[in-house]
Amino acid sequence: MARIYKILTRAEWRVAQAAGIFAGSAVDLTDGFIHFSTAAQAGETARRHFAGQADLVVLEIEADDLGAALRWEPSRGGDLFPHLYGSLAVSDVRSERTAPLGADGAPLLGDLA
């Protein structure tokens, strides 16, 4: 089983919790799928897309729980990234944690594996 991660704002997560589903952030809605990262990819994702942002949350999801709607597709540098073609049920989230960023914009995500 592979764990995958979604970084989003706390405000986005609160809306999703109230609705019971996360339909995606603005970039997800534009691209037509929800972007996820593996543990090895999450740090670079945070640096590239979330540097300087405060009040972030990292969601941990079991990839197998998402079924056929989850596809592994090439992205940055040819790495395969998990993309969910559909909404994420809040009940599929195994854990959540805050994701503070350091002074240099690097994430302080700790050990995600």
Protein backbone atom coordinates (compact mmCIF):
# COMPACT_ATOMS: atom_id res chain seq x y z
CA MET A 1 0.00 0.00 0.00
CA ALA A 2 1.27 3.45 -0.93
CA ARG A 3 0.54 6.59 1.02
CA ILE A 4 0.03 9.78 -0.96
CA TYR A 5 -0.23 13.37 0.25
CA LYS A 6 -2.19 16.50 -0.57
CA ILE A 7 -1.02 19.93 0.55
CA LEU A 8 -3.75 22.54 0.83
CA THR A 9 -4.75 25.52 2.90
CA ARG A 10 -6.51 25.06 6.20
CA ALA A 11 -9.43 27.10 4.80
CA GLU A 12 -9.80 24.67 1.86
CA TRP A 13 -9.70 21.73 4.28
CA ARG A 14 -12.39 23.26 6.52
CA VAL A 15 -14.70 23.69 3.52
CA ALA A 16 -14.07 20.08 2.48
CA GLN A 17 -14.72 18.80 6.00
CA ALA A 18 -18.04 20.65 6.12
CA ALA A 19 -19.05 19.25 2.71
CA GLY A 20 -17.68 15.74 3.28
CA ILE A 21 -15.68 15.92 0.04
CA PHE A 22 -12.73 17.83 -1.39
CA ALA A 23 -13.34 18.73 -5.02
CA GLY A 24 -9.89 20.29 -5.41
CA SER A 25 -7.93 23.50 -5.10
CA ALA A 26 -8.08 26.11 -7.87
CA VAL A 27 -5.20 24.47 -9.78
CA ASP A 28 -6.83 21.04 -9.42
CA LEU A 29 -10.11 22.31 -10.82
CA THR A 30 -8.28 23.97 -13.73
CA ASP A 31 -6.29 20.80 -14.52
CA GLY A 32 -9.27 18.45 -14.16
CA PHE A 33 -7.78 16.28 -11.40
CA ILE A 34 -6.57 16.54 -7.81
CA HIS A 35 -2.79 16.69 -7.56
CA PHE A 36 -1.14 14.45 -4.96
CA SER A 37 2.50 13.69 -4.16
CA THR A 38 4.35 10.72 -2.75
CA ALA A 39 6.37 11.20 0.43
CA ALA A 40 9.50 11.62 -1.70
CA GLN A 41 7.82 14.28 -3.88
CA ALA A 42 5.98 16.29 -1.21
CA GLY A 43 8.91 18.48 -0.17
CA GLU A 44 9.57 19.70 -3.70
CA THR A 45 5.85 20.19 -4.30
CA ALA A 46 5.69 22.38 -1.18
CA ARG A 47 8.73 24.41 -2.24
CA ARG A 48 7.46 24.96 -5.78
CA HIS A 49 3.80 25.63 -5.12
CA PHE A 50 3.36 26.67 -1.48
CA ALA A 51 6.47 28.67 -0.51
CA GLY A 52 5.58 31.68 1.58
CA GLN A 53 2.09 30.45 2.37
CA ALA A 54 0.94 30.00 5.93
CA ASP A 55 -1.69 27.80 7.54
CA LEU A 56 -1.17 24.75 5.33
CA VAL A 57 -2.37 21.21 5.96
CA VAL A 58 -0.95 17.93 4.65
CA LEU A 59 -3.50 15.16 4.14
CA GLU A 60 -2.38 11.53 4.13
CA ILE A 61 -4.34 9.10 1.97
CA GLU A 62 -3.95 5.43 1.19
CA ALA A 63 -3.64 5.28 -2.62
CA ASP A 64 -5.44 1.94 -2.86
CA ASP A 65 -8.53 3.45 -1.20
CA LEU A 66 -9.09 5.70 -4.23
CA GLY A 67 -9.53 2.90 -6.75
CA ALA A 68 -9.43 3.36 -10.51
CA ALA A 69 -10.00 7.13 -10.27
CA LEU A 70 -6.35 7.47 -9.16
CA ARG A 71 -3.87 7.47 -12.01
CA TRP A 72 -0.08 7.65 -11.87
CA GLU A 73 1.02 10.05 -14.58
CA PRO A 74 4.37 11.56 -15.60
CA SER A 75 5.04 15.09 -14.49
CA ARG A 76 8.07 16.93 -13.12
CA GLY A 77 11.22 15.33 -14.52
CA GLY A 78 9.28 12.30 -15.73
CA ASP A 79 8.37 11.21 -12.18
CA LEU A 80 5.01 9.51 -11.85
CA PHE A 81 2.64 11.60 -9.75
CA PRO A 82 -0.72 10.44 -8.36
CA HIS A 83 -3.68 12.30 -9.87
CA LEU A 84 -7.25 11.75 -8.71
CA TYR A 85 -9.90 12.13 -11.39
CA GLY A 86 -12.82 12.84 -9.11
CA SER A 87 -13.46 14.21 -5.65
CA LEU A 88 -11.71 13.07 -2.48
CA ALA A 89 -14.05 11.84 0.24
CA VAL A 90 -13.06 13.28 3.60
CA SER A 91 -13.52 9.77 5.01
CA ASP A 92 -10.59 8.59 2.82
CA VAL A 93 -8.15 10.87 4.65
CA ARG A 94 -6.08 8.77 7.07
CA SER A 95 -4.51 11.72 8.87
CA GLU A 96 -3.91 15.43 8.65
CA ARG A 97 -1.07 17.52 9.96
CA THR A 98 -0.06 21.14 9.80
CA ALA A 99 2.71 21.96 7.36
CA PRO A 100 4.65 24.99 8.55
CA LEU A 101 7.24 26.44 6.20
CA GLY A 102 10.71 27.49 7.26
CA ALA A 103 12.11 30.99 6.78
CA ASP A 104 13.56 29.93 3.40
CA GLY A 105 10.19 28.65 2.19
CA ALA A 106 11.23 25.00 2.59
CA PRO A 107 8.60 22.79 4.17
CA LEU A 108 9.03 21.41 7.64
CA LEU A 109 7.02 18.32 6.81
CA GLY A 110 9.10 15.91 8.81
CA ASP A 111 9.06 12.23 8.00
CA LEU A 112 6.05 11.46 5.81
CA ALA A 113 6.96 7.88 5.07
